[in-house]
């Protein structure tokens, strides 16, 4: 029967000698015998056990879980449950790491939009990202309100073109303009802007906001605090304000 020293079993399993010794102290890999010279000797069964320990450790199981597993009579059923739980844990960790990666990508994109970077810029980005869900809900509400109006206008326009009936189109346009004004005012009350220069969160004048050049996430405005004129980052306001 083959016998293995601590160094040999460590080499065969691709771990350090200290790892084998640690498992011995935790009573999950006790040597089959001790030589007259005091050397720890491991059998073929010990080698199999060591390889199983390494496999379970690579799967992310803790030492205590592995030790408890070896103490069970029906180890096959227990290991199935343990692996299921470990899979859930690893998938959760993977999702959390993916979320962090997504956050890093978003931060990098936001940094490219900033003309002059400072440490305060990170705070602006963090504030904006914390409000992303709120901004998404606001824009979704605007889309849900505006899209039916757009379809309604197109239908009345086609009625005018193909049937020559223009009166419903004129009445529809008046109605659509009223709804559009309400939507824009709703958006104005819900949104603030972050100045990239002084990092103040401010509310511009309604007229300036309405006609300013903009991107999906920024708008060219004049900061009410420092007077900087440039693209400011859109964010959800904490409290509603009235039109200025």
Protein backbone atom coordinates (compact mmCIF):
# COMPACT_ATOMS: atom_id res chain seq x y z
CA UNK A 1 0.00 0.00 0.00
CA UNK A 2 1.35 3.42 -1.02
CA UNK A 3 2.31 5.90 1.65
CA UNK A 4 2.74 9.60 1.10
CA UNK A 5 4.55 12.20 3.14
CA UNK A 6 3.11 15.64 3.75
CA UNK A 7 5.25 17.10 0.96
CA UNK A 8 4.28 14.37 -1.50
CA UNK A 9 0.54 14.63 -0.91
CA UNK A 10 0.80 18.42 -1.15
CA UNK A 11 2.57 18.15 -4.52
CA UNK A 12 0.07 15.60 -5.89
CA UNK A 13 -2.86 17.85 -4.96
CA UNK A 14 -1.26 21.14 -6.03
CA UNK A 15 -1.32 22.77 -2.59
CA UNK A 16 1.30 23.92 -0.11
CA UNK A 17 2.66 21.82 2.74
CA UNK A 18 1.25 24.38 5.14
CA UNK A 19 -2.23 23.77 3.69
CA UNK A 20 -1.96 20.01 4.36
CA UNK A 21 -0.79 20.72 7.88
CA UNK A 22 -3.68 23.15 8.39
CA UNK A 23 -6.23 20.52 7.34
CA UNK A 24 -4.63 18.16 9.86
CA UNK A 25 -5.11 20.69 12.66
CA UNK A 26 -8.76 21.11 11.61
CA UNK A 27 -9.25 17.30 11.75
CA UNK A 28 -10.44 16.92 8.17
CA UNK A 29 -7.28 15.19 6.90
CA UNK A 30 -5.66 13.23 9.69
CA UNK A 31 -2.65 11.08 8.59
CA UNK A 32 -3.17 7.33 8.66
CA UNK A 33 -0.01 6.81 10.65
CA UNK A 34 2.99 8.49 12.19
CA UNK A 35 6.42 7.01 11.41
CA UNK A 36 8.96 6.20 14.12
CA UNK A 37 10.72 9.40 13.19
CA UNK A 38 7.52 11.39 13.72
CA UNK A 39 6.72 11.93 10.06
CA UNK A 40 3.08 12.05 9.03
CA UNK A 41 2.20 9.40 6.44
CA UNK A 42 -0.93 9.39 4.30
CA UNK A 43 -2.58 6.43 2.55
CA UNK A 44 -4.23 6.20 -0.88
CA UNK A 45 -7.59 6.81 0.78
CA UNK A 46 -6.15 9.90 2.43
CA UNK A 47 -5.05 11.12 -1.00
CA UNK A 48 -8.58 10.65 -2.35
CA UNK A 49 -9.95 12.53 0.64
CA UNK A 50 -7.46 15.35 0.09
CA UNK A 51 -8.47 15.66 -3.54
CA UNK A 52 -12.12 15.80 -2.48
CA UNK A 53 -11.28 18.55 0.03
CA UNK A 54 -9.47 20.52 -2.68
CA UNK A 55 -12.43 20.12 -5.03
CA UNK A 56 -14.91 21.33 -2.43
CA UNK A 57 -12.66 24.23 -1.44
CA UNK A 58 -12.38 25.27 -5.10
CA UNK A 59 -16.19 25.18 -5.20
CA UNK A 60 -16.16 27.72 -2.37
CA UNK A 61 -17.18 25.53 0.57
CA UNK A 62 -15.87 26.47 4.00
CA UNK A 63 -13.72 24.19 6.16
CA UNK A 64 -16.55 23.79 8.65
CA UNK A 65 -18.95 22.71 5.90
CA UNK A 66 -16.47 20.16 4.58
CA UNK A 67 -15.80 18.77 8.04
CA UNK A 68 -19.55 18.48 8.70
CA UNK A 69 -19.99 16.75 5.38
CA UNK A 70 -17.41 14.07 6.19
CA UNK A 71 -19.15 13.41 9.49
CA UNK A 72 -22.49 12.64 7.81
CA UNK A 73 -23.57 9.08 7.08
CA UNK A 74 -25.48 10.02 3.93
CA UNK A 75 -22.80 12.31 2.54
CA UNK A 76 -24.15 12.12 -1.04
CA UNK A 77 -27.48 13.74 -0.14
CA UNK A 78 -25.84 16.31 2.08
CA UNK A 79 -23.30 17.38 -0.52
CA UNK A 80 -26.08 17.87 -3.07
CA UNK A 81 -27.84 20.30 -0.72
CA UNK A 82 -24.59 22.06 0.17
CA UNK A 83 -23.66 22.50 -3.48
CA UNK A 84 -27.13 23.87 -4.28
CA UNK A 85 -26.76 26.44 -1.53
CA UNK A 86 -23.22 27.25 -2.64
CA UNK A 87 -24.44 27.72 -6.21
CA UNK A 88 -27.06 30.22 -5.02
CA UNK A 89 -24.43 32.10 -3.03
CA UNK A 90 -21.98 32.23 -5.94
CA UNK A 91 -24.68 33.39 -8.35
CA UNK A 92 -25.59 36.14 -5.90
CA UNK A 93 -21.95 37.20 -5.62
CA UNK A 94 -21.67 37.11 -9.42
CA UNK A 95 -24.72 39.36 -9.77
CA UNK A 96 -23.30 41.79 -7.21
CA UNK A 97 -19.94 41.88 -9.01
CA UNK A 98 -21.69 42.42 -12.35
CA UNK A 99 -23.63 45.29 -10.81
CA UNK A 100 -20.36 46.84 -9.64
CA UNK A 101 -18.88 46.39 -13.13
CA UNK A 102 -21.92 48.09 -14.63
CA UNK A 103 -21.49 50.93 -12.14
CA UNK A 104 -17.83 51.34 -13.11
CA UNK A 105 -18.79 51.47 -16.80
CA UNK A 106 -21.44 54.11 -16.07
CA UNK A 107 -18.97 56.19 -14.03
CA UNK A 108 -16.43 56.03 -16.88
CA UNK A 109 -19.09 57.19 -19.35
CA UNK A 110 -20.13 60.04 -17.08
CA UNK A 111 -16.51 61.12 -16.58
CA UNK A 112 -16.10 61.52 -20.34
CA UNK A 113 -18.92 64.08 -20.31
CA UNK A 114 -17.24 66.25 -17.66
CA UNK A 115 -15.19 69.12 -19.06
CA UNK A 116 -12.98 69.63 -15.99
CA UNK A 117 -12.68 66.71 -13.57
CA UNK A 118 -12.31 67.16 -9.82
CA UNK A 119 -12.96 64.99 -6.77
CA UNK A 120 -16.36 66.69 -6.45
CA UNK A 121 -17.24 65.24 -9.85
CA UNK A 122 -17.40 61.79 -8.27
CA UNK A 123 -20.00 63.09 -5.83
CA UNK A 124 -22.04 64.50 -8.72
CA UNK A 125 -21.92 61.17 -10.53
CA UNK A 126 -22.88 59.26 -7.39
CA UNK A 127 -25.83 61.60 -6.82
CA UNK A 128 -26.95 61.20 -10.43
CA UNK A 129 -26.64 57.42 -10.38
CA UNK A 130 -28.67 57.17 -7.17
CA UNK A 131 -31.45 59.01 -8.99
CA UNK A 132 -31.30 56.96 -12.19
CA UNK A 133 -34.38 54.89 -11.33
CA UNK A 134 -36.38 58.03 -10.52
CA UNK A 135 -35.29 59.62 -13.79
CA UNK A 136 -36.24 56.46 -15.67
CA UNK A 137 -39.74 56.56 -14.16
CA UNK A 138 -40.13 60.25 -15.05
CA UNK A 139 -39.05 59.70 -18.67
CA UNK A 140 -41.25 56.62 -18.96
CA UNK A 141 -44.24 58.62 -17.71
CA UNK A 142 -43.52 61.32 -20.30
CA UNK A 143 -43.23 58.74 -23.06
CA UNK A 144 -46.48 57.04 -22.04
CA UNK A 145 -48.24 60.40 -22.07
CA UNK A 146 -46.66 61.73 -25.26
CA UNK A 147 -46.73 58.69 -27.53
CA UNK A 148 -50.54 58.34 -27.74
CA UNK A 149 -50.78 62.07 -28.54
CA UNK A 150 -48.25 61.64 -31.35
CA UNK A 151 -50.18 58.71 -32.81
CA UNK A 152 -53.42 60.70 -32.48
CA UNK A 153 -51.90 63.65 -34.40
CA UNK A 154 -50.63 61.41 -37.20
CA UNK A 155 -54.07 59.81 -37.54
CA UNK A 156 -55.77 63.21 -37.86
CA UNK A 157 -53.13 64.34 -40.36
CA UNK A 158 -53.77 61.27 -42.52
CA UNK A 159 -57.50 61.97 -42.29
CA UNK A 160 -56.84 65.47 -43.64
CA UNK A 161 -54.55 64.22 -46.44
CA UNK A 162 -56.71 61.37 -47.71
CA UNK A 163 -60.22 62.58 -46.84
CA UNK A 164 -59.78 66.34 -46.96
CA UNK A 165 -61.27 66.76 -43.49
CA UNK A 166 -59.02 69.32 -41.79
CA UNK A 167 -61.14 70.53 -38.85
CA UNK A 168 -60.37 67.54 -36.55
CA UNK A 169 -56.65 68.06 -37.19
CA UNK A 170 -56.80 71.71 -36.08
CA UNK A 171 -58.80 70.85 -32.97
CA UNK A 172 -56.45 67.93 -32.27
CA UNK A 173 -53.39 70.17 -32.60
CA UNK A 174 -54.78 72.61 -30.04
CA UNK A 175 -55.44 69.71 -27.70
CA UNK A 176 -51.97 68.22 -28.37
CA UNK A 177 -50.24 71.54 -27.66
CA UNK A 178 -52.03 71.81 -24.33
CA UNK A 179 -51.00 68.29 -23.36
CA UNK A 180 -47.42 68.93 -24.50
CA UNK A 181 -47.18 72.05 -22.35
CA UNK A 182 -48.43 70.07 -19.35
CA UNK A 183 -45.86 67.30 -20.01
CA UNK A 184 -43.01 69.80 -20.30
CA UNK A 185 -44.04 71.54 -17.07
CA UNK A 186 -44.27 68.19 -15.32
CA UNK A 187 -40.72 67.40 -16.47
CA UNK A 188 -39.51 70.83 -15.39
CA UNK A 189 -40.86 70.36 -11.86
CA UNK A 190 -39.33 66.90 -11.52
CA UNK A 191 -35.80 67.63 -12.80
CA UNK A 192 -32.82 69.61 -11.48
CA UNK A 193 -29.35 70.12 -12.97
CA UNK A 194 -25.83 69.76 -11.61
CA UNK A 195 -23.31 72.43 -12.57
CA UNK A 196 -19.99 70.82 -13.65
CA UNK A 197 -18.09 73.91 -12.49
CA UNK A 198 -19.27 74.55 -8.90
CA UNK A 199 -21.24 71.27 -8.48
CA UNK A 200 -24.34 73.10 -7.29
CA UNK A 201 -27.70 71.46 -7.89
CA UNK A 202 -29.93 74.16 -9.36
CA UNK A 203 -33.23 74.81 -11.11
CA UNK A 204 -32.99 76.94 -14.28
CA UNK A 205 -35.65 79.25 -15.62
CA UNK A 206 -38.42 77.40 -17.44
CA UNK A 207 -37.89 79.28 -20.70
CA UNK A 208 -34.13 78.60 -20.66
CA UNK A 209 -34.67 74.90 -20.01
CA UNK A 210 -37.29 74.67 -22.77
CA UNK A 211 -35.12 76.08 -25.55
CA UNK A 212 -31.66 74.91 -24.41
CA UNK A 213 -29.61 72.50 -26.51
CA UNK A 214 -29.53 69.10 -24.87
CA UNK A 215 -28.46 65.46 -24.97
CA UNK A 216 -30.36 62.53 -23.39
CA UNK A 217 -28.72 63.26 -20.00
CA UNK A 218 -27.43 66.87 -20.14
CA UNK A 219 -28.67 70.34 -21.09
CA UNK A 220 -26.74 73.54 -21.93
CA UNK A 221 -27.72 75.94 -19.16
CA UNK A 222 -26.41 78.83 -17.07
CA UNK A 223 -25.74 77.92 -13.44
CA UNK A 224 -27.73 80.13 -11.06
CA UNK A 225 -24.90 79.94 -8.50
CA UNK A 226 -21.64 80.58 -10.36
CA UNK A 227 -22.86 81.73 -13.78
CA UNK A 228 -21.11 78.92 -15.67
CA UNK A 229 -22.74 78.28 -19.06
CA UNK A 230 -22.39 74.78 -20.43
CA UNK A 231 -23.83 71.30 -20.44
CA UNK A 232 -25.20 70.46 -16.99
CA UNK A 233 -26.12 66.97 -15.84
CA UNK A 234 -29.79 66.16 -15.46
CA UNK A 235 -30.93 64.60 -12.19
CA UNK A 236 -34.16 64.02 -10.31
CA UNK A 237 -34.94 66.85 -7.88
CA UNK A 238 -35.49 66.11 -4.20
CA UNK A 239 -38.55 68.36 -3.88
CA UNK A 240 -40.85 69.81 -6.49
CA UNK A 241 -40.60 73.50 -7.28
CA UNK A 242 -42.83 75.88 -9.16
CA UNK A 243 -42.04 77.44 -12.51
CA UNK A 244 -39.52 80.28 -12.49
